[in-house]
Amino acid sequence: MKYMVAELLFTIKKAWYENNMICLLMSDYKEIRFPVEANKKLKNATEEQRNNIEIICGGTGLHWPDLDEDLSVTGIIEGRYGY
């Protein structure tokens, strides 16, 4: 599997849902947040579904098993939050 430099340098340590935002604590201890409205599946999900976040691929991605939704660190940093 190939990784981008950003994915190797900045991995996700913690992910959570709070106040209609998906929040990420990165390995460099910076926080990234984006609104659930930016992603169709997250926008239409219940709070329980939004809260069920898994960190995958060695911290380079997120997975919501209840929604079958995946996002990458690279995509999030580039402002691509899915559809």
PDB file of N, CA and C in Angstrom:
ATOM      1  N   MET A   1       0.848  -1.175   0.000  1.00  0.00           N
ATOM      2  CA  MET A   1       0.000   0.000   0.000  1.00  0.00           C
ATOM      3  C   MET A   1       0.891   1.235   0.000  1.00  0.00           C
ATOM      4  N   LYS A   2       0.559   2.186  -0.833  1.00  0.00           N
ATOM      5  CA  LYS A   2       1.302   3.437  -0.888  1.00  0.00           C
ATOM      6  C   LYS A   2       0.630   4.468   0.008  1.00  0.00           C
ATOM      7  N   TYR A   3       1.457   5.267   0.640  1.00  0.00           N
ATOM      8  CA  TYR A   3       0.959   6.346   1.484  1.00  0.00           C
ATOM      9  C   TYR A   3       1.521   7.660   0.996  1.00  0.00           C
ATOM     10  N   MET A   4       0.766   8.714   1.210  1.00  0.00           N
ATOM     11  CA  MET A   4       1.277  10.051   0.953  1.00  0.00           C
ATOM     12  C   MET A   4       2.079  10.493   2.175  1.00  0.00           C
ATOM     13  N   VAL A   5       3.004  11.409   1.988  1.00  0.00           N
ATOM     14  CA  VAL A   5       3.829  11.899   3.086  1.00  0.00           C
ATOM     15  C   VAL A   5       2.954  12.432   4.215  1.00  0.00           C
ATOM     16  N   ALA A   6       1.899  13.159   3.885  1.00  0.00           N
ATOM     17  CA  ALA A   6       1.014  13.725   4.918  1.00  0.00           C
ATOM     18  C   ALA A   6       0.421  12.618   5.776  1.00  0.00           C
ATOM     19  N   GLU A   7       0.075  11.484   5.171  1.00  0.00           N
ATOM     20  CA  GLU A   7      -0.511  10.392   5.939  1.00  0.00           C
ATOM     21  C   GLU A   7       0.497   9.780   6.904  1.00  0.00           C
ATOM     22  N   LEU A   8       1.744   9.733   6.523  1.00  0.00           N
ATOM     23  CA  LEU A   8       2.760   9.160   7.393  1.00  0.00           C
ATOM     24  C   LEU A   8       3.163  10.123   8.498  1.00  0.00           C
ATOM     25  N   LEU A   9       3.120  11.412   8.220  1.00  0.00           N
ATOM     26  CA  LEU A   9       3.506  12.411   9.210  1.00  0.00           C
ATOM     27  C   LEU A   9       2.380  12.742  10.178  1.00  0.00           C
ATOM     28  N   PHE A  10       1.152  12.719   9.689  1.00  0.00           N
ATOM     29  CA  PHE A  10       0.013  13.148  10.481  1.00  0.00           C
ATOM     30  C   PHE A  10      -1.015  12.032  10.539  1.00  0.00           C
ATOM     31  N   THR A  11      -0.974  11.262  11.586  1.00  0.00           N
ATOM     32  CA  THR A  11      -1.952  10.195  11.760  1.00  0.00           C
ATOM     33  C   THR A  11      -2.943  10.606  12.851  1.00  0.00           C
ATOM     34  N   ILE A  12      -4.062   9.934  12.859  1.00  0.00           N
ATOM     35  CA  ILE A  12      -5.123  10.233  13.817  1.00  0.00           C
ATOM     36  C   ILE A  12      -4.879   9.444  15.097  1.00  0.00           C
ATOM     37  N   LYS A  13      -4.852  10.146  16.224  1.00  0.00           N
ATOM     38  CA  LYS A  13      -4.701   9.504  17.530  1.00  0.00           C
ATOM     39  C   LYS A  13      -6.064   9.242  18.172  1.00  0.00           C
ATOM     40  N   LYS A  14      -7.015  10.167  17.931  1.00  0.00           N
ATOM     41  CA  LYS A  14      -8.334  10.078  18.553  1.00  0.00           C
ATOM     42  C   LYS A  14      -9.345  10.738  17.632  1.00  0.00           C
ATOM     43  N   ALA A  15     -10.542  10.178  17.574  1.00  0.00           N
ATOM     44  CA  ALA A  15     -11.623  10.761  16.764  1.00  0.00           C
ATOM     45  C   ALA A  15     -12.914  10.703  17.572  1.00  0.00           C
ATOM     46  N   TRP A  16     -13.709  11.775  17.496  1.00  0.00           N
ATOM     47  CA  TRP A  16     -14.970  11.814  18.213  1.00  0.00           C
ATOM     48  C   TRP A  16     -15.931  12.781  17.528  1.00  0.00           C
ATOM     49  N   TYR A  17     -17.199  12.670  17.906  1.00  0.00           N
ATOM     50  CA  TYR A  17     -18.254  13.547  17.403  1.00  0.00           C
ATOM     51  C   TYR A  17     -18.665  14.481  18.539  1.00  0.00           C
ATOM     52  N   GLU A  18     -18.779  15.778  18.221  1.00  0.00           N
ATOM     53  CA  GLU A  18     -19.145  16.775  19.229  1.00  0.00           C
ATOM     54  C   GLU A  18     -19.763  17.994  18.557  1.00  0.00           C
ATOM     55  N   ASN A  19     -20.959  18.389  18.997  1.00  0.00           N
ATOM     56  CA  ASN A  19     -21.612  19.613  18.517  1.00  0.00           C
ATOM     57  C   ASN A  19     -21.667  19.708  16.992  1.00  0.00           C
ATOM     58  N   ASN A  20     -22.139  18.654  16.350  1.00  0.00           N
ATOM     59  CA  ASN A  20     -22.276  18.585  14.895  1.00  0.00           C
ATOM     60  C   ASN A  20     -20.949  18.683  14.149  1.00  0.00           C
ATOM     61  N   MET A  21     -19.861  18.352  14.833  1.00  0.00           N
ATOM     62  CA  MET A  21     -18.540  18.351  14.214  1.00  0.00           C
ATOM     63  C   MET A  21     -17.868  16.996  14.426  1.00  0.00           C
ATOM     64  N   ILE A  22     -17.137  16.546  13.413  1.00  0.00           N
ATOM     65  CA  ILE A  22     -16.239  15.410  13.578  1.00  0.00           C
ATOM     66  C   ILE A  22     -14.904  16.008  13.994  1.00  0.00           C
ATOM     67  N   CYS A  23     -14.366  15.526  15.097  1.00  0.00           N
ATOM     68  CA  CYS A  23     -13.150  16.087  15.679  1.00  0.00           C
ATOM     69  C   CYS A  23     -12.044  15.040  15.657  1.00  0.00           C
ATOM     70  N   LEU A  24     -10.867  15.473  15.270  1.00  0.00           N
ATOM     71  CA  LEU A  24      -9.720  14.579  15.199  1.00  0.00           C
ATOM     72  C   LEU A  24      -8.567  15.173  15.985  1.00  0.00           C
ATOM     73  N   LEU A  25      -7.924  14.349  16.793  1.00  0.00           N
ATOM     74  CA  LEU A  25      -6.674  14.723  17.435  1.00  0.00           C
ATOM     75  C   LEU A  25      -5.582  14.010  16.656  1.00  0.00           C
ATOM     76  N   MET A  26      -4.699  14.796  16.074  1.00  0.00           N
ATOM     77  CA  MET A  26      -3.661  14.240  15.218  1.00  0.00           C
ATOM     78  C   MET A  26      -2.415  13.892  16.041  1.00  0.00           C
ATOM     79  N   SER A  27      -1.520  13.133  15.428  1.00  0.00           N
ATOM     80  CA  SER A  27      -0.304  12.692  16.108  1.00  0.00           C
ATOM     81  C   SER A  27       0.599  13.852  16.511  1.00  0.00           C
ATOM     82  N   ASP A  28       0.466  14.993  15.850  1.00  0.00           N
ATOM     83  CA  ASP A  28       1.245  16.175  16.232  1.00  0.00           C
ATOM     84  C   ASP A  28       0.471  17.048  17.231  1.00  0.00           C
ATOM     85  N   TYR A  29      -0.624  16.508  17.762  1.00  0.00           N
ATOM     86  CA  TYR A  29      -1.479  17.121  18.768  1.00  0.00           C
ATOM     87  C   TYR A  29      -2.264  18.329  18.280  1.00  0.00           C
ATOM     88  N   LYS A  30      -2.357  18.504  16.970  1.00  0.00           N
ATOM     89  CA  LYS A  30      -3.261  19.510  16.416  1.00  0.00           C
ATOM     90  C   LYS A  30      -4.638  18.875  16.310  1.00  0.00           C
ATOM     91  N   GLU A  31      -5.654  19.710  16.361  1.00  0.00           N
ATOM     92  CA  GLU A  31      -7.024  19.240  16.171  1.00  0.00           C
ATOM     93  C   GLU A  31      -7.537  19.700  14.824  1.00  0.00           C
ATOM     94  N   ILE A  32      -8.249  18.804  14.180  1.00  0.00           N
ATOM     95  CA  ILE A  32      -8.941  19.107  12.930  1.00  0.00           C
ATOM     96  C   ILE A  32     -10.412  18.832  13.185  1.00  0.00           C
ATOM     97  N   ARG A  33     -11.261  19.729  12.729  1.00  0.00           N
ATOM     98  CA  ARG A  33     -12.711  19.559  12.872  1.00  0.00           C
ATOM     99  C   ARG A  33     -13.380  19.885  11.544  1.00  0.00           C
ATOM    100  N   PHE A  34     -14.440  19.136  11.253  1.00  0.00           N
ATOM    101  CA  PHE A  34     -15.252  19.471  10.096  1.00  0.00           C
ATOM    102  C   PHE A  34     -16.709  19.167  10.413  1.00  0.00           C
ATOM    103  N   PRO A  35     -17.620  19.932   9.827  1.00  0.00           N
ATOM    104  CA  PRO A  35     -19.048  19.761  10.131  1.00  0.00           C
ATOM    105  C   PRO A  35     -19.613  18.499   9.478  1.00  0.00           C
ATOM    106  N   VAL A  36     -20.509  17.836  10.197  1.00  0.00           N
ATOM    107  CA  VAL A  36     -21.129  16.631   9.639  1.00  0.00           C
ATOM    108  C   VAL A  36     -21.948  16.961   8.389  1.00  0.00           C
ATOM    109  N   GLU A  37     -22.387  18.194   8.256  1.00  0.00           N
ATOM    110  CA  GLU A  37     -23.161  18.592   7.080  1.00  0.00           C
ATOM    111  C   GLU A  37     -22.340  18.496   5.792  1.00  0.00           C
ATOM    112  N   ALA A  38     -21.016  18.416   5.915  1.00  0.00           N
ATOM    113  CA  ALA A  38     -20.147  18.324   4.744  1.00  0.00           C
ATOM    114  C   ALA A  38     -20.150  16.919   4.131  1.00  0.00           C
ATOM    115  N   ASN A  39     -20.767  15.946   4.813  1.00  0.00           N
ATOM    116  CA  ASN A  39     -20.813  14.571   4.336  1.00  0.00           C
ATOM    117  C   ASN A  39     -22.251  14.085   4.405  1.00  0.00           C
ATOM    118  N   LYS A  40     -22.782  13.635   3.277  1.00  0.00           N
ATOM    119  CA  LYS A  40     -24.196  13.255   3.190  1.00  0.00           C
ATOM    120  C   LYS A  40     -24.569  12.153   4.180  1.00  0.00           C
ATOM    121  N   LYS A  41     -23.733  11.130   4.292  1.00  0.00           N
ATOM    122  CA  LYS A  41     -24.052  10.026   5.201  1.00  0.00           C
ATOM    123  C   LYS A  41     -24.014  10.476   6.660  1.00  0.00           C
ATOM    124  N   LEU A  42     -23.033  11.282   7.016  1.00  0.00           N
ATOM    125  CA  LEU A  42     -22.946  11.772   8.388  1.00  0.00           C
ATOM    126  C   LEU A  42     -24.073  12.749   8.702  1.00  0.00           C
ATOM    127  N   LYS A  43     -24.419  13.560   7.730  1.00  0.00           N
ATOM    128  CA  LYS A  43     -25.497  14.545   7.906  1.00  0.00           C
ATOM    129  C   LYS A  43     -26.820  13.852   8.235  1.00  0.00           C
ATOM    130  N   ASN A  44     -27.086  12.737   7.574  1.00  0.00           N
ATOM    131  CA  ASN A  44     -28.351  12.030   7.749  1.00  0.00           C
ATOM    132  C   ASN A  44     -28.303  10.951   8.831  1.00  0.00           C
ATOM    133  N   ALA A  45     -27.172  10.812   9.515  1.00  0.00           N
ATOM    134  CA  ALA A  45     -26.999   9.763  10.521  1.00  0.00           C
ATOM    135  C   ALA A  45     -27.532  10.198  11.882  1.00  0.00           C
ATOM    136  N   THR A  46     -27.760   9.211  12.734  1.00  0.00           N
ATOM    137  CA  THR A  46     -28.129   9.492  14.122  1.00  0.00           C
ATOM    138  C   THR A  46     -26.865   9.852  14.901  1.00  0.00           C
ATOM    139  N   GLU A  47     -27.043  10.403  16.081  1.00  0.00           N
ATOM    140  CA  GLU A  47     -25.884  10.736  16.917  1.00  0.00           C
ATOM    141  C   GLU A  47     -25.107   9.469  17.273  1.00  0.00           C
ATOM    142  N   GLU A  48     -25.823   8.389  17.533  1.00  0.00           N
ATOM    143  CA  GLU A  48     -25.162   7.114  17.858  1.00  0.00           C
ATOM    144  C   GLU A  48     -24.288   6.648  16.693  1.00  0.00           C
ATOM    145  N   GLN A  49     -24.803   6.749  15.471  1.00  0.00           N
ATOM    146  CA  GLN A  49     -24.028   6.359  14.290  1.00  0.00           C
ATOM    147  C   GLN A  49     -22.819   7.275  14.096  1.00  0.00           C
ATOM    148  N   ARG A  50     -22.995   8.554  14.305  1.00  0.00           N
ATOM    149  CA  ARG A  50     -21.881   9.509  14.166  1.00  0.00           C
ATOM    150  C   ARG A  50     -20.791   9.239  15.195  1.00  0.00           C
ATOM    151  N   ASN A  51     -21.183   8.832  16.391  1.00  0.00           N
ATOM    152  CA  ASN A  51     -20.230   8.565  17.471  1.00  0.00           C
ATOM    153  C   ASN A  51     -19.460   7.265  17.285  1.00  0.00           C
ATOM    154  N   ASN A  52     -19.946   6.378  16.469  1.00  0.00           N
ATOM    155  CA  ASN A  52     -19.296   5.077  16.272  1.00  0.00           C
ATOM    156  C   ASN A  52     -18.222   5.213  15.185  1.00  0.00           C
ATOM    157  N   ILE A  53     -17.088   5.776  15.566  1.00  0.00           N
ATOM    158  CA  ILE A  53     -15.984   6.049  14.636  1.00  0.00           C
ATOM    159  C   ILE A  53     -14.836   5.103  14.964  1.00  0.00           C
ATOM    160  N   GLU A  54     -14.289   4.475  13.925  1.00  0.00           N
ATOM    161  CA  GLU A  54     -13.102   3.636  14.077  1.00  0.00           C
ATOM    162  C   GLU A  54     -11.934   4.298  13.354  1.00  0.00           C
ATOM    163  N   ILE A  55     -10.773   4.273  13.980  1.00  0.00           N
ATOM    164  CA  ILE A  55      -9.548   4.729  13.324  1.00  0.00           C
ATOM    165  C   ILE A  55      -8.948   3.507  12.634  1.00  0.00           C
ATOM    166  N   ILE A  56      -8.695   3.631  11.328  1.00  0.00           N
ATOM    167  CA  ILE A  56      -8.247   2.481  10.536  1.00  0.00           C
ATOM    168  C   ILE A  56      -6.925   2.777   9.826  1.00  0.00           C
ATOM    169  N   CYS A  57      -6.360   1.731   9.255  1.00  0.00           N
ATOM    170  CA  CYS A  57      -5.160   1.829   8.406  1.00  0.00           C
ATOM    171  C   CYS A  57      -4.008   2.538   9.116  1.00  0.00           C
ATOM    172  N   GLY A  58      -3.737   2.147  10.343  1.00  0.00           N
ATOM    173  CA  GLY A  58      -2.624   2.729  11.069  1.00  0.00           C
ATOM    174  C   GLY A  58      -2.779   4.199  11.376  1.00  0.00           C
ATOM    175  N   GLY A  59      -4.018   4.651  11.486  1.00  0.00           N
ATOM    176  CA  GLY A  59      -4.268   6.056  11.806  1.00  0.00           C
ATOM    177  C   GLY A  59      -4.382   6.961  10.597  1.00  0.00           C
ATOM    178  N   THR A  60      -4.439   6.369   9.407  1.00  0.00           N
ATOM    179  CA  THR A  60      -4.529   7.191   8.198  1.00  0.00           C
ATOM    180  C   THR A  60      -5.957   7.317   7.666  1.00  0.00           C
ATOM    181  N   GLY A  61      -6.915   6.731   8.381  1.00  0.00           N
ATOM    182  CA  GLY A  61      -8.286   6.817   7.916  1.00  0.00           C
ATOM    183  C   GLY A  61      -9.294   6.654   9.034  1.00  0.00           C
ATOM    184  N   LEU A  62     -10.539   6.968   8.712  1.00  0.00           N
ATOM    185  CA  LEU A  62     -11.670   6.817   9.625  1.00  0.00           C
ATOM    186  C   LEU A  62     -12.711   5.925   8.971  1.00  0.00           C
ATOM    187  N   HIS A  63     -13.421   5.171   9.811  1.00  0.00           N
ATOM    188  CA  HIS A  63     -14.486   4.301   9.310  1.00  0.00           C
ATOM    189  C   HIS A  63     -15.681   4.394  10.255  1.00  0.00           C
ATOM    190  N   TRP A  64     -16.858   4.556   9.682  1.00  0.00           N
ATOM    191  CA  TRP A  64     -18.119   4.518  10.414  1.00  0.00           C
ATOM    192  C   TRP A  64     -18.817   3.231  10.000  1.00  0.00           C
ATOM    193  N   PRO A  65     -18.710   2.156  10.800  1.00  0.00           N
ATOM    194  CA  PRO A  65     -19.253   0.856  10.396  1.00  0.00           C
ATOM    195  C   PRO A  65     -20.767   0.858  10.200  1.00  0.00           C
ATOM    196  N   ASP A  66     -21.480   1.633  10.983  1.00  0.00           N
ATOM    197  CA  ASP A  66     -22.941   1.685  10.846  1.00  0.00           C
ATOM    198  C   ASP A  66     -23.374   2.350   9.546  1.00  0.00           C
ATOM    199  N   LEU A  67     -22.496   3.159   8.966  1.00  0.00           N
ATOM    200  CA  LEU A  67     -22.834   3.930   7.768  1.00  0.00           C
ATOM    201  C   LEU A  67     -22.086   3.445   6.527  1.00  0.00           C
ATOM    202  N   ASP A  68     -21.145   2.529   6.708  1.00  0.00           N
ATOM    203  CA  ASP A  68     -20.271   2.070   5.622  1.00  0.00           C
ATOM    204  C   ASP A  68     -19.611   3.268   4.946  1.00  0.00           C
ATOM    205  N   GLU A  69     -19.026   4.129   5.765  1.00  0.00           N
ATOM    206  CA  GLU A  69     -18.378   5.350   5.282  1.00  0.00           C
ATOM    207  C   GLU A  69     -16.921   5.367   5.726  1.00  0.00           C
ATOM    208  N   ASP A  70     -16.030   5.724   4.812  1.00  0.00           N
ATOM    209  CA  ASP A  70     -14.597   5.821   5.096  1.00  0.00           C
ATOM    210  C   ASP A  70     -14.080   7.154   4.598  1.00  0.00           C
ATOM    211  N   LEU A  71     -13.193   7.770   5.372  1.00  0.00           N
ATOM    212  CA  LEU A  71     -12.508   9.000   4.967  1.00  0.00           C
ATOM    213  C   LEU A  71     -11.032   8.842   5.278  1.00  0.00           C
ATOM    214  N   SER A  72     -10.185   9.426   4.442  1.00  0.00           N
ATOM    215  CA  SER A  72      -8.750   9.365   4.660  1.00  0.00           C
ATOM    216  C   SER A  72      -8.247  10.673   5.265  1.00  0.00           C
ATOM    217  N   VAL A  73      -7.111  10.592   5.942  1.00  0.00           N
ATOM    218  CA  VAL A  73      -6.477  11.792   6.475  1.00  0.00           C
ATOM    219  C   VAL A  73      -6.189  12.763   5.336  1.00  0.00           C
ATOM    220  N   THR A  74      -5.653  12.240   4.247  1.00  0.00           N
ATOM    221  CA  THR A  74      -5.339  13.093   3.099  1.00  0.00           C
ATOM    222  C   THR A  74      -6.577  13.826   2.606  1.00  0.00           C
ATOM    223  N   GLY A  75      -7.667  13.111   2.436  1.00  0.00           N
ATOM    224  CA  GLY A  75      -8.908  13.732   1.983  1.00  0.00           C
ATOM    225  C   GLY A  75      -9.406  14.792   2.935  1.00  0.00           C
ATOM    226  N   ILE A  76      -9.358  14.505   4.215  1.00  0.00           N
ATOM    227  CA  ILE A  76      -9.815  15.464   5.223  1.00  0.00           C
ATOM    228  C   ILE A  76      -8.948  16.720   5.188  1.00  0.00           C
ATOM    229  N   ILE A  77      -7.628  16.542   5.142  1.00  0.00           N
ATOM    230  CA  ILE A  77      -6.729  17.690   5.089  1.00  0.00           C
ATOM    231  C   ILE A  77      -6.977  18.522   3.828  1.00  0.00           C
ATOM    232  N   GLU A  78      -7.309  17.843   2.723  1.00  0.00           N
ATOM    233  CA  GLU A  78      -7.581  18.545   1.462  1.00  0.00           C
ATOM    234  C   GLU A  78      -9.000  19.094   1.387  1.00  0.00           C
ATOM    235  N   GLY A  79      -9.808  18.859   2.407  1.00  0.00           N
ATOM    236  CA  GLY A  79     -11.176  19.379   2.404  1.00  0.00           C
ATOM    237  C   GLY A  79     -12.172  18.497   1.688  1.00  0.00           C
ATOM    238  N   ARG A  80     -11.807  17.242   1.422  1.00  0.00           N
ATOM    239  CA  ARG A  80     -12.724  16.282   0.792  1.00  0.00           C
ATOM    240  C   ARG A  80     -13.336  15.419   1.889  1.00  0.00           C
ATOM    241  N   TYR A  81     -14.588  15.670   2.204  1.00  0.00           N
ATOM    242  CA  TYR A  81     -15.254  14.996   3.313  1.00  0.00           C
ATOM    243  C   TYR A  81     -16.260  13.952   2.843  1.00  0.00           C
ATOM    244  N   GLY A  82     -16.153  13.489   1.635  1.00  0.00           N
ATOM    245  CA  GLY A  82     -17.089  12.519   1.099  1.00  0.00           C
ATOM    246  C   GLY A  82     -18.243  13.206   0.409  1.00  0.00           C
ATOM    247  N   TYR A  83     -19.283  12.440   0.167  1.00  0.00           N
ATOM    248  CA  TYR A  83     -20.440  12.960  -0.580  1.00  0.00           C
ATOM    249  C   TYR A  83     -21.628  13.140   0.316  1.00  0.00           C
TER     250      TYR A  83
END
